[in-house]
Protein backbone atom coordinates (compact mmCIF):
# COMPACT_ATOMS: atom_id res chain seq x y z
CA MET A 1 78.60 54.98 34.93
CA LYS A 2 79.77 51.34 36.44
CA ILE A 3 80.66 51.62 40.03
CA ALA A 4 83.66 50.16 39.36
CA GLU A 5 84.65 53.61 37.41
CA LEU A 6 82.79 55.47 39.70
CA GLN A 7 85.05 54.33 42.68
CA THR A 8 88.42 55.39 41.16
CA TYR A 9 87.48 59.25 41.62
CA LYS A 10 88.37 60.14 44.96
CA LYS A 11 86.56 63.66 44.98
CA ILE A 12 83.06 63.98 43.34
CA LEU A 13 80.68 66.83 43.31
CA ILE A 14 77.69 66.96 43.37
CA LEU A 15 75.96 70.00 41.43
CA GLY A 16 72.33 70.46 42.68
CA MET A 17 70.81 69.59 45.32
CA GLY A 18 67.41 68.93 45.20
CA LYS A 19 65.53 65.35 45.71
CA GLU A 20 67.80 63.41 43.13
CA GLY A 21 71.29 65.24 44.18
CA ALA A 22 70.42 64.69 47.21
CA SER A 23 69.38 60.92 46.39
CA ALA A 24 73.20 60.94 44.16
CA LYS A 25 75.29 61.79 47.30
CA ARG A 26 73.63 58.80 49.51
CA PHE A 27 74.06 56.36 46.78
CA ILE A 28 78.01 57.62 46.26
CA GLU A 29 78.79 57.57 49.70
CA ARG A 30 76.98 53.89 49.94
CA VAL A 31 78.91 52.41 47.20
CA ALA A 32 82.54 54.81 47.04
CA PRO A 33 83.32 55.19 50.65
CA ASP A 34 86.73 56.19 49.97
CA SER A 35 85.38 58.95 47.90
CA VAL A 36 85.27 62.29 48.94
CA VAL A 37 81.80 63.80 48.53
CA ASP A 38 80.91 67.46 48.40
CA THR A 39 77.48 69.91 47.42
CA ALA A 40 77.18 72.95 45.21
CA ASP A 41 73.73 74.18 44.82
CA ILE A 42 72.73 77.97 43.66
CA LYS A 43 71.45 78.81 47.44
CA ASP A 44 75.09 78.45 48.62
CA GLY A 45 76.09 81.58 46.41
CA GLN A 46 76.85 83.48 42.96
CA ASP A 47 79.93 81.62 43.61
CA TYR A 48 78.84 78.04 43.90
CA LEU A 49 79.77 76.66 39.97
CA LYS A 50 83.54 77.73 41.55
CA LYS A 51 83.51 74.10 43.20
CA GLN A 52 83.89 72.44 40.49
CA ASP A 53 87.51 73.17 40.33
CA GLY A 54 88.30 71.02 43.35
CA ALA A 55 86.62 67.86 42.14
CA ASP A 56 87.68 64.45 39.89
CA LEU A 57 83.84 64.37 38.90
CA VAL A 58 80.86 66.47 39.05
CA VAL A 59 77.23 64.68 39.02
CA ARG A 60 74.92 66.79 37.32
CA SER A 61 71.52 67.67 38.80
CA PRO A 62 68.83 68.17 36.53
CA GLY A 63 67.71 71.24 37.02
CA VAL A 64 71.83 72.40 36.01
CA HIS A 65 72.18 73.15 32.74
CA THR A 66 74.71 71.20 30.84
CA GLU A 67 76.56 74.56 29.94
CA LEU A 68 77.34 75.23 33.43
CA VAL A 69 79.44 72.04 34.15
CA THR A 70 83.29 72.89 33.18
CA LYS A 71 84.59 69.34 34.55
CA LYS A 72 84.69 65.81 33.48
CA TYR A 73 80.57 64.59 34.51
CA THR A 74 77.70 62.18 35.04
CA THR A 75 74.31 62.33 36.06
CA ALA A 76 72.27 60.18 38.58
CA THR A 77 69.64 59.23 35.53
CA ASN A 78 73.00 57.49 34.49
CA LEU A 79 74.39 56.37 36.97
CA PHE A 80 71.17 54.57 37.22
CA PHE A 81 71.16 52.84 33.81
CA ALA A 82 74.65 52.05 34.34
CA ASN A 83 73.92 50.07 37.37
CA CYS A 84 70.06 48.55 37.55
CA LEU A 85 69.69 44.62 37.41
CA GLY A 86 66.46 45.25 36.24
CA GLN A 87 64.02 46.18 33.76
CA ILE A 88 63.10 49.71 33.24
CA ILE A 89 60.36 50.98 31.58
CA GLY A 90 61.04 54.61 30.22
CA VAL A 91 57.91 57.44 30.33
CA THR A 92 58.39 60.62 28.66
CA GLY A 93 56.43 63.24 27.05
CA THR A 94 55.24 66.63 27.38
CA LYS A 95 52.15 65.74 29.63
CA GLY A 96 50.72 62.82 31.19
CA LYS A 97 53.78 61.10 32.41
CA SER A 98 52.84 60.89 35.47
CA THR A 99 49.66 59.73 35.02
CA THR A 100 50.64 57.24 32.64
CA ALA A 101 53.41 55.69 34.58
CA SER A 102 51.47 55.41 38.17
CA LEU A 103 49.27 53.37 35.79
CA ILE A 104 51.74 50.58 34.44
CA ALA A 105 53.16 50.26 37.79
CA ALA A 106 50.05 49.57 38.86
CA LEU A 107 48.80 47.21 36.16
CA LEU A 108 52.06 45.35 36.38
CA LYS A 109 51.69 44.81 39.77
CA GLN A 110 49.03 42.24 39.38
CA SER A 111 51.48 40.23 37.75
CA ILE A 112 55.23 40.99 38.47
CA PRO A 113 55.61 40.70 42.26
CA ASP A 114 58.74 43.43 42.20
CA VAL A 115 57.68 46.65 40.41
CA ARG A 116 58.73 49.96 41.30
CA LEU A 117 57.62 53.43 40.43
CA VAL A 118 60.57 55.58 40.11
CA GLY A 119 62.02 58.61 38.56
CA ASN A 120 60.60 62.55 37.62
CA ILE A 121 57.16 61.02 39.67
CA GLY A 122 59.33 61.49 43.25
CA CYS A 123 60.84 58.73 44.22
CA PRO A 124 64.79 59.42 43.15
CA MET A 125 65.66 56.48 40.86
CA LEU A 126 69.01 55.70 42.64
CA ASP A 127 67.49 55.22 46.31
CA GLU A 128 65.88 51.91 45.32
CA LEU A 129 68.63 50.35 43.99
CA GLU A 130 70.53 48.80 46.85
CA ASP A 131 68.01 45.97 46.61
CA ALA A 132 67.24 45.87 43.33
CA THR A 133 67.32 42.22 41.43
CA ALA A 134 67.42 41.27 37.95
CA ASN A 135 63.34 40.25 38.49
CA THR A 136 62.50 43.91 39.11
CA VAL A 137 61.06 46.29 37.26
CA PHE A 138 61.48 49.88 37.22
CA VAL A 139 58.85 52.21 35.73
CA VAL A 140 60.61 55.15 35.36
CA GLU A 141 59.05 58.76 34.50
CA LEU A 142 62.12 60.82 32.67
CA SER A 143 61.89 64.45 32.12
CA SER A 144 63.32 66.67 29.33
CA TYR A 145 65.92 68.25 32.16
CA GLN A 146 66.92 63.87 32.91
CA LEU A 147 67.07 63.26 28.77
CA THR A 148 69.25 65.98 27.95
CA ASP A 149 73.03 64.02 27.78
CA ILE A 150 71.71 60.58 28.87
CA ASN A 151 73.29 58.09 27.53
CA TYR A 152 70.89 54.94 28.09
CA SER A 153 67.61 53.87 26.76
CA PRO A 154 64.87 51.57 28.43
CA HIS A 155 64.16 48.24 27.27
CA ILE A 156 60.37 49.72 26.59
CA VAL A 157 60.09 53.21 25.60
CA VAL A 158 56.71 54.89 25.86
CA ILE A 159 56.07 58.77 25.16
CA VAL A 160 53.12 59.82 25.64
CA ASN A 161 53.05 62.44 23.67
CA TRP A 162 54.60 66.13 22.41
CA PHE A 163 54.01 69.88 22.73
CA PRO A 164 56.69 72.72 22.57
CA GLU A 165 57.33 73.39 26.34
CA HIS A 166 60.63 74.40 28.06
CA ARG A 167 61.91 76.73 26.17
CA ASP A 168 62.91 78.95 29.15
CA PHE A 169 65.42 75.40 29.60
CA HIS A 170 66.19 74.26 26.45
CA GLY A 171 66.97 77.57 24.71
CA SER A 172 64.57 76.32 21.63
CA PHE A 173 61.15 74.07 21.48
CA GLU A 174 63.56 72.06 18.34
CA LEU A 175 65.92 70.80 21.47
CA TYR A 176 63.46 70.26 24.08
CA LYS A 177 62.41 68.02 21.33
CA GLN A 178 66.10 66.65 20.73
CA SER A 179 65.64 65.69 24.49
CA LYS A 180 62.58 63.56 24.27
CA GLU A 181 64.25 61.75 20.96
CA ARG A 182 67.79 60.51 22.86
CA VAL A 183 65.64 58.80 25.05
CA LEU A 184 65.03 56.07 21.89
CA SER A 185 68.82 56.33 20.63
CA PHE A 186 70.40 53.69 22.41
CA GLN A 187 67.90 51.20 21.81
CA THR A 188 68.67 48.13 20.46
CA PRO A 189 66.60 45.23 18.39
CA SER A 190 65.16 43.36 21.25
CA ASP A 191 63.61 46.89 22.74
CA TYR A 192 60.34 47.88 22.05
CA PHE A 193 59.39 52.01 21.75
CA ILE A 194 55.67 52.33 22.35
CA PHE A 195 53.36 55.35 20.68
CA ASP A 196 50.70 57.41 19.42
CA PRO A 197 50.64 56.84 16.39
CA SER A 198 48.26 59.99 15.86
CA GLU A 199 51.08 62.04 17.91
CA GLU A 200 54.42 63.67 16.86
CA PRO A 201 56.36 61.11 18.23
CA ALA A 202 54.96 58.26 15.63
CA LYS A 203 57.48 59.94 13.25
CA TRP A 204 60.08 59.31 16.16
CA GLY A 205 60.99 55.93 14.93
CA GLY A 206 64.02 56.00 12.61
CA PHE A 207 65.74 57.28 16.27
CA THR A 208 65.44 53.88 17.75
CA LYS A 209 66.44 50.35 16.31
CA ALA A 210 63.34 48.84 18.31
CA HIS A 211 60.50 47.10 17.68
CA LEU A 212 57.70 50.05 17.17
CA LEU A 213 54.38 49.38 19.09
CA PRO A 214 51.66 52.00 18.61
CA TYR A 215 49.57 52.10 21.21
CA ALA A 216 46.37 49.33 21.22
CA THR A 217 43.47 50.30 19.82
CA ASP A 218 41.11 48.70 21.04
CA PHE A 219 39.08 49.66 24.55
CA PRO A 220 37.22 46.58 26.02
CA PHE A 221 36.45 48.83 28.78
CA ASP A 222 33.45 50.41 30.81
CA GLU A 223 34.18 53.57 30.74
CA LYS A 224 31.75 54.50 33.21
CA LYS A 225 33.76 52.44 35.68
CA ILE A 226 36.94 54.33 35.05
CA GLN A 227 37.93 57.20 37.22
CA LEU A 228 40.32 58.78 35.24
CA LEU A 229 38.40 61.64 32.69
CA GLY A 230 39.12 62.90 29.29
CA SER A 231 39.95 62.21 25.67
CA HIS A 232 43.36 62.19 26.60
CA ASN A 233 43.47 60.28 29.61
CA LYS A 234 41.93 57.36 27.55
CA LYS A 235 45.06 57.71 24.81
CA ASN A 236 47.29 56.88 28.96
CA ILE A 237 45.45 54.08 29.39
CA GLN A 238 45.73 52.72 25.90
CA ALA A 239 49.09 53.37 26.44
CA THR A 240 49.21 51.35 29.58
CA VAL A 241 46.79 48.76 27.81
CA THR A 242 50.35 48.44 25.22
CA VAL A 243 52.76 47.95 28.45
CA ALA A 244 51.10 45.46 30.10
CA ARG A 245 50.45 42.83 26.92
CA LEU A 246 53.45 43.09 26.35
CA CYS A 247 54.33 41.86 29.68
CA LYS A 248 52.25 39.31 29.71
CA VAL A 249 49.39 40.73 32.34
CA SER A 250 46.07 38.72 31.64
CA GLU A 251 43.31 41.21 30.16
CA GLU A 252 41.30 40.41 33.13
CA LYS A 253 43.57 41.74 35.62
CA ILE A 254 44.29 44.59 33.67
CA ALA A 255 40.26 45.65 33.95
CA LYS A 256 40.71 45.25 37.84
CA ALA A 257 44.16 47.53 37.40
CA ILE A 258 42.14 50.24 35.64
CA TYR A 259 39.01 50.57 37.19
CA GLY A 260 40.60 50.98 40.51
CA PHE A 261 43.45 53.51 39.94
CA VAL A 262 42.38 56.43 41.63
CA PRO A 263 43.98 59.83 39.44
CA LEU A 264 46.59 61.28 41.28
CA PRO A 265 46.44 65.00 42.69
CA HIS A 266 46.22 68.63 40.92
CA ARG A 267 44.66 65.87 37.47
CA LEU A 268 41.70 67.49 36.85
CA GLN A 269 40.78 66.43 40.15
CA LYS A 270 37.13 66.79 41.41
CA VAL A 271 37.94 69.31 45.09
CA GLY A 272 33.50 69.00 45.45
CA THR A 273 30.61 70.70 45.61
CA PHE A 274 30.21 73.79 47.65
CA LYS A 275 27.51 76.24 47.49
CA GLY A 276 26.08 74.04 44.28
CA ILE A 277 29.90 75.29 42.51
CA THR A 278 31.44 72.10 41.26
CA PHE A 279 35.32 72.62 41.86
CA TYR A 280 38.17 70.91 39.96
CA ASP A 281 41.77 71.12 40.25
CA ASP A 282 43.57 70.67 37.26
CA ALA A 283 46.94 72.94 38.21
CA ILE A 284 49.31 70.23 36.26
CA SER A 285 47.97 72.13 33.64
CA THR A 286 50.49 74.42 32.23
CA THR A 287 50.55 74.77 29.27
CA PRO A 288 47.78 75.51 26.25
CA GLN A 289 46.91 72.21 25.43
CA SER A 290 46.46 70.93 28.63
CA THR A 291 44.01 73.43 29.88
CA ILE A 292 42.33 73.06 26.50
CA ALA A 293 42.10 69.19 26.64
CA ALA A 294 40.37 70.63 30.33
CA LEU A 295 38.12 72.09 29.07
CA ASN A 296 37.46 69.40 25.83
CA THR A 297 36.83 67.22 28.99
CA LEU A 298 34.49 69.44 31.39
CA PRO A 299 30.95 70.61 30.32
CA GLN A 300 29.74 73.82 31.86
CA VAL A 301 33.02 75.52 32.60
CA GLU A 302 31.73 79.18 33.95
CA THR A 303 34.85 80.24 35.70
CA LEU A 304 38.60 79.41 34.64
CA PHE A 305 41.67 80.24 36.56
CA LEU A 306 44.41 81.13 33.98
CA GLY A 307 48.45 82.66 33.84
CA GLY A 308 51.87 81.96 35.61
CA GLN A 309 55.36 82.26 34.36
CA ASP A 310 55.74 83.03 31.34
CA ARG A 311 57.70 80.83 28.72
CA GLY A 312 56.48 82.09 25.10
CA TYR A 313 53.94 79.81 25.10
CA GLU A 314 50.84 81.23 22.44
CA PHE A 315 47.68 81.41 23.60
CA ASP A 316 45.40 82.44 20.52
CA GLU A 317 43.98 79.06 20.04
CA LEU A 318 43.40 78.66 23.87
CA ILE A 319 41.30 81.75 23.57
CA LYS A 320 39.22 80.87 20.76
CA VAL A 321 37.89 77.82 22.45
CA LEU A 322 37.38 80.13 25.44
CA LYS A 323 35.06 81.98 22.92
CA GLU A 324 33.49 79.17 21.47
CA LYS A 325 33.08 77.59 25.31
CA ASN A 326 31.51 80.78 26.07
CA ILE A 327 33.86 80.79 29.86
CA LYS A 328 31.92 83.45 31.01
CA ASN A 329 34.88 84.44 34.24
CA ILE A 330 38.48 84.20 34.19
CA VAL A 331 40.80 84.67 36.58
CA LEU A 332 44.53 85.87 35.17
CA PHE A 333 47.46 85.67 36.71
CA PRO A 334 50.85 87.07 36.49
CA ASP A 335 52.46 87.09 34.78
CA THR A 336 51.21 85.73 31.02
CA GLY A 337 47.96 86.82 32.67
CA LYS A 338 48.68 90.33 30.99
CA ARG A 339 48.97 88.77 27.42
CA ILE A 340 46.08 86.35 28.11
CA LYS A 341 43.59 89.56 28.97
CA GLU A 342 45.39 91.62 25.72
CA GLY A 343 44.53 88.30 23.39
CA ILE A 344 40.35 87.85 25.06
CA GLU A 345 40.20 92.03 24.41
CA LYS A 346 40.40 91.24 20.61
CA MET A 347 38.01 88.83 20.35
CA ASN A 348 35.07 90.14 18.77
CA GLY A 349 31.73 89.22 20.54
CA TYR A 350 33.74 87.87 23.68
CA SER A 351 33.62 89.89 26.55
CA PRO A 352 34.15 87.93 29.41
CA SER A 353 34.09 88.84 33.44
CA LEU A 354 38.23 89.51 33.84
CA LEU A 355 39.88 89.63 37.56
CA GLU A 356 43.83 90.36 37.23
CA ILE A 357 45.23 89.36 40.19
CA ARG A 358 48.19 87.01 42.31
CA ASP A 359 46.21 85.89 45.19
CA MET A 360 44.26 82.51 45.40
CA GLU A 361 42.69 83.71 48.62
CA GLN A 362 40.77 86.51 46.06
CA ALA A 363 40.39 84.68 42.62
CA VAL A 364 38.68 81.94 44.80
CA LYS A 365 35.94 84.24 46.35
CA PHE A 366 35.69 85.88 42.94
CA ALA A 367 35.03 82.67 41.94
CA TYR A 368 32.52 81.90 44.57
CA GLU A 369 30.51 85.16 43.48
CA LYS A 370 30.31 84.62 39.82
CA THR A 371 29.98 80.81 39.27
CA GLY A 372 26.76 79.72 38.88
CA LYS A 373 24.63 76.77 41.04
CA GLY A 374 24.76 73.83 38.83
CA ALA A 375 28.05 75.01 36.95
CA ILE A 376 32.05 74.53 37.45
CA CYS A 377 34.79 76.15 38.31
CA LEU A 378 38.17 75.33 37.06
CA LEU A 379 41.98 75.66 38.24
CA SER A 380 43.72 74.78 35.10
CA THR A 381 46.18 77.91 34.16
CA ALA A 382 48.36 76.72 30.84
CA SER A 383 51.39 78.46 32.20
CA PRO A 384 53.41 77.29 34.85
CA SER A 385 53.15 78.11 38.33
CA TYR A 386 56.71 79.58 39.24
CA SER A 387 55.46 83.42 38.90
CA VAL A 388 53.57 83.05 42.20
CA TRP A 389 53.93 79.71 43.64
CA LYS A 390 56.42 77.48 44.80
CA ASN A 391 55.30 74.37 42.00
CA PHE A 392 51.65 73.17 40.84
CA GLU A 393 51.50 71.74 43.88
CA GLU A 394 50.84 74.52 46.16
CA LYS A 395 49.23 76.25 43.76
CA GLY A 396 46.31 73.47 43.92
CA ASP A 397 46.92 73.34 47.34
CA LEU A 398 46.25 77.01 48.21
CA PHE A 399 43.18 76.32 45.56
CA GLN A 400 41.69 73.51 47.26
CA GLN A 401 42.30 75.20 50.72
CA PHE A 402 40.31 78.05 49.56
CA VAL A 403 37.59 76.36 48.17
CA THR A 404 36.81 74.02 51.14
CA SER A 405 37.33 76.50 53.54
CA MET A 406 34.49 79.04 51.92
CA GLY A 407 32.01 76.23 51.39
CA ASP A 408 29.60 75.68 53.52
CA THR A 409 28.18 72.09 52.26
CA HIS A 410 29.99 69.60 50.62
CA GLU A 411 28.40 67.19 48.75
CA THR A 412 30.98 65.26 47.14
CA THR A 413 34.44 64.61 47.03
CA SER A 414 35.04 61.83 44.73
CA ASN A 415 36.50 61.88 41.27
CA GLY A 416 33.53 60.40 39.79
């Protein structure tokens, strides 16, 4: 919806008041000052949805299900795409979106004066529109919640991977997949779709008219200089290199940005070595697949923190990996901790030390007591955080807080 059309609505309701809802309110008040802008949020009480009755237009926030919207509506994401003058590079997928989007922005800033990292990563898109120009390049992290009803596609789409998640919001894993596929639906022959040829999204070329570009397969970098750990991050780097080359960034500048890139918090972040134990915070890993990737990256994990909100994931493959790697100590948080425990108890020849708990301080104390010197304790829960914590950031922050407060020697805090 263009600004001119938006201005024709005199009573506009922002439905859902998180970061994006608040940003939409600021945007509309700036570009449509004659409109009356109201808000409604679940925190307002059970009848908050009834406020739609008096609105001419509703702006749906990402966390609000589309079926709850009863009036003509748009979204902050659609408002951004409709009114953006610059070029848009969209990054989506199940895991690795934030790292890939951040790295793309870092690489492009080597050659392009005005590059802005926005979207699901934390900076609302609409806040960055006011002073943007046709020369601005937006790198936008897009969640499935934002893509459910998007009516536009980025000039360049990067899909890092796909595996089942968010069934609680979308209703089924197939609908979740469809929300991701939708990001390609409005591309033109002058656009680009960048994908990992070994992943599910490689099959999605039929959804787009864009040029198909598989990840760059060459990797001309000194891996010892790269601070991002794991084979999954190697793929994320290949995705960003593909984008950077498309945007004419030199190989020298690409390498400089990759070597200088510091991993984002809570993503295989090395907290430090305390009492001979090395602690890693991988709080972002909220699916079995991402926890398996973390275990395949780090050697000598003896203690692992698992469990959280139950979204119906299957843990059989993860439990096999736990046995193969002989993970000796496991903390189990509710709600999925119970199911993981049941699976472990059915695994013949595998009897790790288990602690069922919801308190992070006691969990860290258990890790200090059980983990041997020279070994690793890893927070990578294979489940979302919401059964115990507000989000993965709170979970990771608490882990780091208790790890450091209980440790009496701090040998390193680097990610190397």
